[in-house]
Amino acid sequence: MINRRTFGKAMALGAGAAAVSLTGPQTAPVVAAPRSGASTSGGTSASALPDIAPGTHTTFGRMRHVTAGLLNVGYAEVGPAHGPVVICLHGWPYDIHSFVDVAPLLASHGYRVIVPYLRGHGSTRFRSAATFRNAQQSAVALDIVALMDALGIHRAVLAGFDWGSRTADIIAALWPERVKALVSVSGYLITNVEAQQEPLPARAEHTWWYQYYFSTERGRRAMEDRDKRRELCRLVRETVSPTWDFDDATFARTATAFDNPDYADIVIHNYRWRLGLAEGERRYDRYEKRLAGRPVITVPTITLDPERDPFTAPGNGASYRDRFTGAYEHRTLTGIGHNLPQEAPTAFAQAVVDVDHF
């Protein structure tokens, strides 16, 4: 089972940062990404995107909303209305601003870019107060399928990191007909709750300190307190992106997404569910059963490893290579941390363009 938690295990077993080379059938030397975020394409690029510095853009403009499944989803949309669709999916503790530079880059290349707030974040709201605030992995994935249905999108390129990678991986594995291609930061992140009951070496467990904090009522209370959750979220962001020198304004733009009334419930449930400390809902059992079997992903895929992310496994993607059976390429970005799209927007956008042309 490979996910962000087992990345820590691999780190603790003594290997260093991922090597900078490609694995799989499409192989070519990888170029270390400079701090500006230039692409690490190894020769499959359809056309090179212009290199932009992180922070070139700060806002998306007017937000849109649509009723989709259990939610009223808030999302940004950039680019031509009839262009090929890319859906960009954020993680925790982040929001749509992780793609604030990626989206206009892709839009300038003719893509229609959809960037939704996940459940419990930003302007996305549950339609009913009676709905259980569930953040198990299949529920979040079905939110995005419902969003695609609501917007009349049959197929799209999915691109994400953190929770977003897991969500995109799940959709690609269970509903491959909906996914034209995939960009997944940190590789294969589908969670097997039972497998996560096995303790890891101490160093790996230490990396996940906040996950265990959230398993306590003290951690829940911290997330329910606006100031304390902002302090905690900023600490996590600084820790997992050690070379990203973001300023107060950058953090503040994202932190407004944490004021969603369901934020604490969603974050706490997500991490407790992953540890087997919180129940999911029976309606998702059939999906979780399939996901526990580590289904392969057959759609064209580029996986991206941020070298400075403490969750990045050694082995240059080898630990999850067998989960991707279609056209595939792996890239490692040196000097880049966990929030890869915001730290290296050109490299992320280039991966989207490239995988769309596999």
Protein backbone atom coordinates (compact mmCIF):
# COMPACT_ATOMS: atom_id res chain seq x y z
CA MET A 1 0.00 0.00 0.00
CA ILE A 2 1.55 3.30 -1.08
CA ASN A 3 0.23 6.61 0.16
CA ARG A 4 1.62 9.67 1.87
CA ARG A 5 1.84 7.75 5.12
CA THR A 6 3.95 4.98 3.65
CA PHE A 7 6.16 7.57 1.98
CA GLY A 8 7.26 8.42 5.52
CA LYS A 9 8.01 4.77 6.13
CA ALA A 10 10.31 4.64 3.15
CA MET A 11 12.06 7.80 4.30
CA ALA A 12 12.56 6.36 7.76
CA LEU A 13 14.11 3.21 6.43
CA GLY A 14 17.18 5.14 5.51
CA ALA A 15 16.92 6.34 1.93
CA GLY A 16 17.39 9.96 1.05
CA ALA A 17 15.56 12.21 -1.36
CA ALA A 18 14.31 10.79 -4.64
CA ALA A 19 16.83 10.50 -7.43
CA VAL A 20 16.44 12.82 -10.38
CA SER A 21 15.71 10.48 -13.27
CA LEU A 22 12.75 8.95 -15.02
CA THR A 23 11.32 5.47 -14.55
CA GLY A 24 9.00 3.41 -16.69
CA PRO A 25 8.71 2.91 -20.42
CA GLN A 26 8.98 6.62 -21.32
CA THR A 27 12.46 7.40 -20.02
CA ALA A 28 14.77 10.33 -20.55
CA PRO A 29 17.07 12.34 -18.34
CA VAL A 30 15.21 14.70 -16.06
CA VAL A 31 16.41 18.27 -15.65
CA ALA A 32 16.40 19.60 -12.10
CA ALA A 33 13.69 22.23 -11.77
CA PRO A 34 15.03 25.68 -10.89
CA ARG A 35 13.36 27.62 -8.14
CA SER A 36 11.31 29.49 -10.72
CA GLY A 37 9.42 26.28 -11.41
CA ALA A 38 10.61 25.42 -14.90
CA SER A 39 9.44 22.11 -16.31
CA THR A 40 11.35 18.88 -15.83
CA SER A 41 10.02 17.42 -19.05
CA GLY A 42 12.13 14.61 -20.38
CA GLY A 43 11.20 14.87 -24.02
CA THR A 44 7.45 14.22 -24.22
CA SER A 45 6.43 17.89 -24.20
CA ALA A 46 3.87 18.81 -26.84
CA SER A 47 4.95 22.45 -26.63
CA ALA A 48 6.88 24.33 -23.99
CA LEU A 49 4.93 26.71 -21.78
CA PRO A 50 6.40 30.09 -20.87
CA ASP A 51 8.19 30.02 -17.54
CA ILE A 52 6.53 32.20 -14.91
CA ALA A 53 7.62 32.96 -11.38
CA PRO A 54 5.49 31.64 -8.51
CA GLY A 55 3.24 34.41 -7.24
CA THR A 56 2.80 36.09 -10.62
CA HIS A 57 -0.97 35.88 -10.09
CA THR A 58 -2.83 36.28 -6.81
CA THR A 59 -6.55 35.95 -7.53
CA PHE A 60 -9.01 34.12 -9.75
CA GLY A 61 -11.62 36.82 -10.02
CA ARG A 62 -15.32 35.99 -9.72
CA MET A 63 -16.16 32.61 -8.18
CA ARG A 64 -18.86 30.37 -9.60
CA HIS A 65 -21.23 27.94 -7.88
CA VAL A 66 -23.12 24.87 -8.98
CA THR A 67 -25.34 22.31 -7.27
CA ALA A 68 -23.56 18.96 -7.52
CA GLY A 69 -24.57 15.89 -5.54
CA LEU A 70 -24.53 16.62 -1.82
CA LEU A 71 -22.89 19.99 -2.28
CA ASN A 72 -23.16 23.47 -3.64
CA VAL A 73 -19.64 23.64 -5.06
CA GLY A 74 -17.67 26.87 -5.24
CA TYR A 75 -15.14 26.85 -8.04
CA ALA A 76 -12.94 29.05 -10.19
CA GLU A 77 -13.07 28.74 -13.97
CA VAL A 78 -10.45 30.12 -16.34
CA GLY A 79 -10.04 29.74 -20.08
CA PRO A 80 -12.27 29.22 -23.14
CA ALA A 81 -15.66 27.69 -22.41
CA HIS A 82 -15.29 25.04 -25.11
CA GLY A 83 -11.66 24.17 -24.54
CA PRO A 84 -10.47 20.75 -23.35
CA VAL A 85 -11.16 20.51 -19.62
CA VAL A 86 -8.59 20.28 -16.84
CA ILE A 87 -9.80 19.90 -13.25
CA CYS A 88 -7.22 20.91 -10.64
CA LEU A 89 -7.67 19.51 -7.12
CA HIS A 90 -6.11 20.94 -3.97
CA GLY A 91 -5.17 19.33 -0.67
CA TRP A 92 -4.82 20.19 3.01
CA PRO A 93 -3.96 22.74 4.38
CA TYR A 94 -4.39 24.44 1.04
CA ASP A 95 -7.11 25.69 -1.26
CA ILE A 96 -7.69 26.73 -4.87
CA HIS A 97 -4.86 29.30 -4.68
CA SER A 98 -2.39 26.44 -5.09
CA PHE A 99 -3.36 26.71 -8.78
CA VAL A 100 -3.53 30.50 -9.06
CA ASP A 101 -0.54 30.54 -11.46
CA VAL A 102 -1.20 27.14 -13.05
CA ALA A 103 -4.72 27.98 -14.24
CA PRO A 104 -3.89 31.04 -16.39
CA LEU A 105 -0.92 29.20 -17.89
CA LEU A 106 -3.19 26.38 -19.01
CA ALA A 107 -5.92 28.78 -20.09
CA SER A 108 -3.45 30.60 -22.35
CA HIS A 109 -2.82 27.21 -23.97
CA GLY A 110 -6.54 26.81 -24.76
CA TYR A 111 -7.70 24.78 -21.78
CA ARG A 112 -10.88 25.28 -19.80
CA VAL A 113 -9.58 25.03 -16.23
CA ILE A 114 -11.91 24.17 -13.33
CA VAL A 115 -10.56 24.59 -9.78
CA PRO A 116 -13.11 23.57 -7.12
CA TYR A 117 -13.02 23.99 -3.38
CA LEU A 118 -13.23 20.52 -1.85
CA ARG A 119 -15.99 19.80 0.67
CA GLY A 120 -15.49 21.79 3.86
CA HIS A 121 -13.32 24.41 2.13
CA GLY A 122 -13.93 27.93 0.91
CA SER A 123 -17.35 28.64 -0.58
CA THR A 124 -18.35 24.99 -1.04
CA ARG A 125 -21.31 24.11 1.20
CA PHE A 126 -23.34 21.03 2.05
CA ARG A 127 -26.88 21.34 0.72
CA SER A 128 -28.39 19.84 3.88
CA ALA A 129 -27.58 20.39 7.53
CA ALA A 130 -28.51 16.74 8.08
CA THR A 131 -25.74 15.36 5.84
CA PHE A 132 -22.96 13.67 7.79
CA ARG A 133 -19.74 15.68 7.44
CA ASN A 134 -17.85 12.77 5.97
CA ALA A 135 -14.37 13.14 4.46
CA GLN A 136 -13.56 9.53 3.59
CA GLN A 137 -11.75 9.22 0.30
CA SER A 138 -14.54 7.84 -1.91
CA ALA A 139 -16.99 10.49 -0.74
CA VAL A 140 -14.61 13.26 -1.80
CA ALA A 141 -13.99 11.55 -5.14
CA LEU A 142 -17.72 11.25 -5.81
CA ASP A 143 -18.05 14.98 -5.18
CA ILE A 144 -15.83 15.60 -8.20
CA VAL A 145 -17.72 13.11 -10.37
CA ALA A 146 -20.94 14.91 -9.39
CA LEU A 147 -19.31 18.25 -10.25
CA MET A 148 -18.39 16.94 -13.69
CA ASP A 149 -21.95 15.74 -14.21
CA ALA A 150 -23.38 19.08 -13.09
CA LEU A 151 -21.13 20.97 -15.52
CA GLY A 152 -21.81 18.55 -18.38
CA ILE A 153 -18.18 17.38 -18.50
CA HIS A 154 -17.86 13.75 -19.56
CA ARG A 155 -14.04 13.53 -19.59
CA ALA A 156 -11.29 15.73 -18.24
CA VAL A 157 -7.62 15.75 -17.43
CA LEU A 158 -7.38 15.50 -13.63
CA ALA A 159 -4.41 17.06 -11.87
CA GLY A 160 -3.86 17.30 -8.13
CA PHE A 161 -1.69 17.05 -5.06
CA ASP A 162 -2.23 15.82 -1.49
CA TRP A 163 -5.98 15.16 -1.01
CA GLY A 164 -6.31 16.19 -4.65
CA SER A 165 -3.92 13.49 -5.86
CA ARG A 166 -5.80 10.87 -3.87
CA THR A 167 -9.13 12.08 -5.28
CA ALA A 168 -7.86 12.11 -8.86
CA ASP A 169 -6.26 8.68 -8.44
CA ILE A 170 -9.54 7.23 -7.18
CA ILE A 171 -11.56 8.61 -10.08
CA ALA A 172 -8.96 7.34 -12.56
CA ALA A 173 -9.02 3.90 -10.93
CA LEU A 174 -12.80 3.47 -10.52
CA TRP A 175 -14.16 5.56 -13.40
CA PRO A 176 -11.39 5.64 -16.03
CA GLU A 177 -13.90 6.58 -18.74
CA ARG A 178 -14.19 10.00 -17.05
CA VAL A 179 -10.43 10.69 -17.07
CA LYS A 180 -8.59 11.61 -20.25
CA ALA A 181 -5.24 11.76 -18.45
CA LEU A 182 -3.82 12.21 -14.95
CA VAL A 183 -1.17 14.29 -13.20
CA SER A 184 -0.61 12.98 -9.68
CA VAL A 185 1.84 14.58 -7.28
CA SER A 186 3.43 11.94 -5.00
CA GLY A 187 2.13 9.11 -7.15
CA TYR A 188 -0.42 6.55 -5.98
CA LEU A 189 -2.15 7.83 -2.84
CA ILE A 190 -5.22 5.60 -2.57
CA THR A 191 -5.68 4.68 1.10
CA ASN A 192 -6.14 1.22 2.59
CA VAL A 193 -7.36 1.83 6.15
CA GLU A 194 -6.57 -1.68 7.34
CA ALA A 195 -3.00 -1.49 6.04
CA GLN A 196 -2.49 1.75 7.94
CA GLN A 197 -2.94 0.04 11.28
CA GLU A 198 0.66 -1.20 11.13
CA PRO A 199 3.01 1.12 13.08
CA LEU A 200 5.88 2.78 11.26
CA PRO A 201 9.40 3.61 12.42
CA ALA A 202 9.55 6.54 14.84
CA ARG A 203 10.93 9.06 12.35
CA ALA A 204 8.08 8.41 9.94
CA GLU A 205 5.49 8.66 12.70
CA HIS A 206 7.00 11.97 13.78
CA THR A 207 6.42 13.40 10.32
CA TRP A 208 2.71 12.75 10.79
CA TRP A 209 2.42 14.52 14.16
CA TYR A 210 -0.67 16.51 13.15
CA GLN A 211 -2.54 13.38 12.07
CA TYR A 212 -2.23 12.01 15.60
CA TYR A 213 -3.01 15.40 17.12
CA PHE A 214 -6.27 15.39 15.19
CA SER A 215 -7.16 12.02 16.69
CA THR A 216 -7.56 13.77 20.07
CA GLU A 217 -10.30 16.10 21.26
CA ARG A 218 -7.58 18.62 21.99
CA GLY A 219 -6.71 18.58 18.29
CA ARG A 220 -10.35 18.99 17.34
CA ARG A 221 -10.66 22.01 19.62
CA ALA A 222 -7.59 23.55 18.01
CA MET A 223 -9.15 23.18 14.57
CA GLU A 224 -12.40 24.73 15.78
CA ASP A 225 -10.54 27.82 17.02
CA ARG A 226 -9.92 30.24 14.11
CA ASP A 227 -6.58 31.55 15.35
CA LYS A 228 -5.21 28.20 16.46
CA ARG A 229 -6.13 26.42 13.23
CA ARG A 230 -4.48 29.16 11.17
CA GLU A 231 -1.33 28.88 13.27
CA LEU A 232 -1.33 25.09 12.90
CA CYS A 233 -1.99 25.16 9.17
CA ARG A 234 0.79 27.67 8.60
CA LEU A 235 3.24 25.54 10.59
CA VAL A 236 2.41 22.48 8.49
CA ARG A 237 2.84 24.45 5.26
CA GLU A 238 6.22 25.79 6.38
CA THR A 239 7.40 22.34 7.48
CA VAL A 240 6.51 20.45 4.31
CA SER A 241 7.70 23.20 1.94
CA PRO A 242 11.03 24.21 3.50
CA THR A 243 12.25 26.19 0.48
CA TRP A 244 9.00 28.07 -0.21
CA ASP A 245 9.26 31.55 1.31
CA PHE A 246 5.60 32.56 1.08
CA ASP A 247 4.52 35.86 2.63
CA ASP A 248 1.66 36.75 4.98
CA ALA A 249 -0.60 37.89 2.15
CA THR A 250 -0.19 34.60 0.29
CA PHE A 251 -1.13 32.63 3.38
CA ALA A 252 -4.05 34.94 4.20
CA ARG A 253 -5.62 34.41 0.78
CA THR A 254 -5.69 30.67 1.36
CA ALA A 255 -6.59 30.87 5.05
CA THR A 256 -9.98 32.39 4.25
CA ALA A 257 -10.91 28.91 2.94
CA PHE A 258 -10.43 27.58 6.47
CA ASP A 259 -13.36 29.69 7.70
CA ASN A 260 -15.87 27.35 6.08
CA PRO A 261 -18.30 26.26 8.85
CA ASP A 262 -17.61 22.59 8.10
CA TYR A 263 -13.82 22.88 7.87
CA ALA A 264 -12.95 21.46 11.28
CA ASP A 265 -15.39 18.55 10.94
CA ILE A 266 -14.10 17.62 7.49
CA VAL A 267 -10.41 17.82 8.35
CA ILE A 268 -10.78 15.91 11.62
CA HIS A 269 -12.92 13.20 10.04
CA ASN A 270 -10.53 12.75 7.13
CA TYR A 271 -7.52 12.01 9.31
CA ARG A 272 -9.42 9.97 11.91
CA TRP A 273 -11.03 7.89 9.16
CA ARG A 274 -7.67 7.14 7.59
CA LEU A 275 -6.40 5.82 10.94
CA GLY A 276 -9.51 3.70 11.43
CA LEU A 277 -10.66 5.91 14.32
CA ALA A 278 -13.83 7.21 12.66
CA GLU A 279 -16.55 5.41 10.74
CA GLY A 280 -17.42 6.17 7.17
CA GLU A 281 -20.87 5.66 5.67
CA ARG A 282 -22.24 2.37 4.42
CA ARG A 283 -23.22 3.93 1.12
CA TYR A 284 -19.51 4.11 0.23
CA ASP A 285 -18.58 0.59 1.31
CA ARG A 286 -18.62 -0.85 -2.21
CA TYR A 287 -16.14 1.77 -3.39
CA GLU A 288 -13.86 1.40 -0.38
CA LYS A 289 -13.80 -2.38 -0.86
CA ARG A 290 -12.53 -1.92 -4.40
CA LEU A 291 -10.01 0.72 -3.33
CA ALA A 292 -8.63 -1.54 -0.59
CA GLY A 293 -7.50 -3.87 -3.37
CA ARG A 294 -5.14 -1.20 -4.76
CA PRO A 295 -6.69 -1.05 -8.24
CA VAL A 296 -4.35 -0.16 -11.07
CA ILE A 297 -4.68 3.10 -13.01
CA THR A 298 -4.81 2.60 -16.76
CA VAL A 299 -5.16 6.18 -18.03
CA PRO A 300 -2.12 8.12 -19.32
CA THR A 301 -0.29 9.47 -16.27
CA ILE A 302 2.58 11.69 -15.22
CA THR A 303 3.59 11.41 -11.58
CA LEU A 304 5.52 14.23 -9.94
CA ASP A 305 7.70 13.94 -6.86
CA PRO A 306 8.67 17.12 -4.98
CA GLU A 307 12.17 16.41 -3.72
CA ARG A 308 11.98 18.60 -0.60
CA ASP A 309 8.63 17.22 0.55
CA PRO A 310 9.23 15.08 3.68
CA PHE A 311 6.59 12.65 2.39
CA THR A 312 8.40 11.95 -0.87
CA ALA A 313 9.56 8.34 -1.00
CA PRO A 314 13.03 7.35 -2.15
CA GLY A 315 13.40 5.28 -5.29
CA ASN A 316 12.29 7.84 -7.86
CA GLY A 317 8.70 6.62 -7.97
CA ALA A 318 9.59 2.93 -7.97
CA SER A 319 7.40 2.21 -4.93
CA TYR A 320 4.21 2.91 -6.87
CA ARG A 321 5.28 2.30 -10.47
CA ASP A 322 3.32 -0.96 -10.76
CA ARG A 323 0.03 0.83 -10.03
CA PHE A 324 0.15 2.67 -13.37
CA THR A 325 -0.29 0.41 -16.39
CA GLY A 326 -0.98 2.91 -19.18
CA ALA A 327 1.29 5.44 -20.87
CA TYR A 328 3.42 6.79 -18.05
CA GLU A 329 6.22 9.15 -17.09
CA HIS A 330 7.73 10.08 -13.73
CA ARG A 331 9.42 13.38 -12.91
CA THR A 332 11.19 14.61 -9.79
CA LEU A 333 11.43 18.34 -9.09
CA THR A 334 14.50 19.25 -7.10
CA GLY A 335 14.26 22.04 -4.54
CA ILE A 336 10.46 21.90 -4.48
CA GLY A 337 8.25 21.09 -1.49
CA HIS A 338 4.81 19.64 -0.92
CA ASN A 339 2.68 22.42 -2.45
CA LEU A 340 4.14 21.69 -5.87
CA PRO A 341 1.61 23.53 -8.09
CA GLN A 342 2.09 26.82 -6.25
CA GLU A 343 5.83 26.43 -5.79
CA ALA A 344 6.53 25.27 -9.36
CA PRO A 345 3.53 26.28 -11.46
CA THR A 346 5.21 26.00 -14.85
CA ALA A 347 6.42 22.47 -14.17
CA PHE A 348 2.97 21.41 -13.02
CA ALA A 349 1.18 23.03 -15.98
CA GLN A 350 3.73 21.54 -18.38
CA ALA A 351 2.99 18.08 -17.01
CA VAL A 352 -0.72 18.63 -17.74
CA VAL A 353 -0.03 19.68 -21.34
CA ASP A 354 2.41 16.83 -21.86
CA VAL A 355 0.22 14.05 -20.47
CA ASP A 356 -2.70 15.30 -22.55
CA HIS A 357 -0.58 14.51 -25.63
CA PHE A 358 0.53 11.01 -24.63
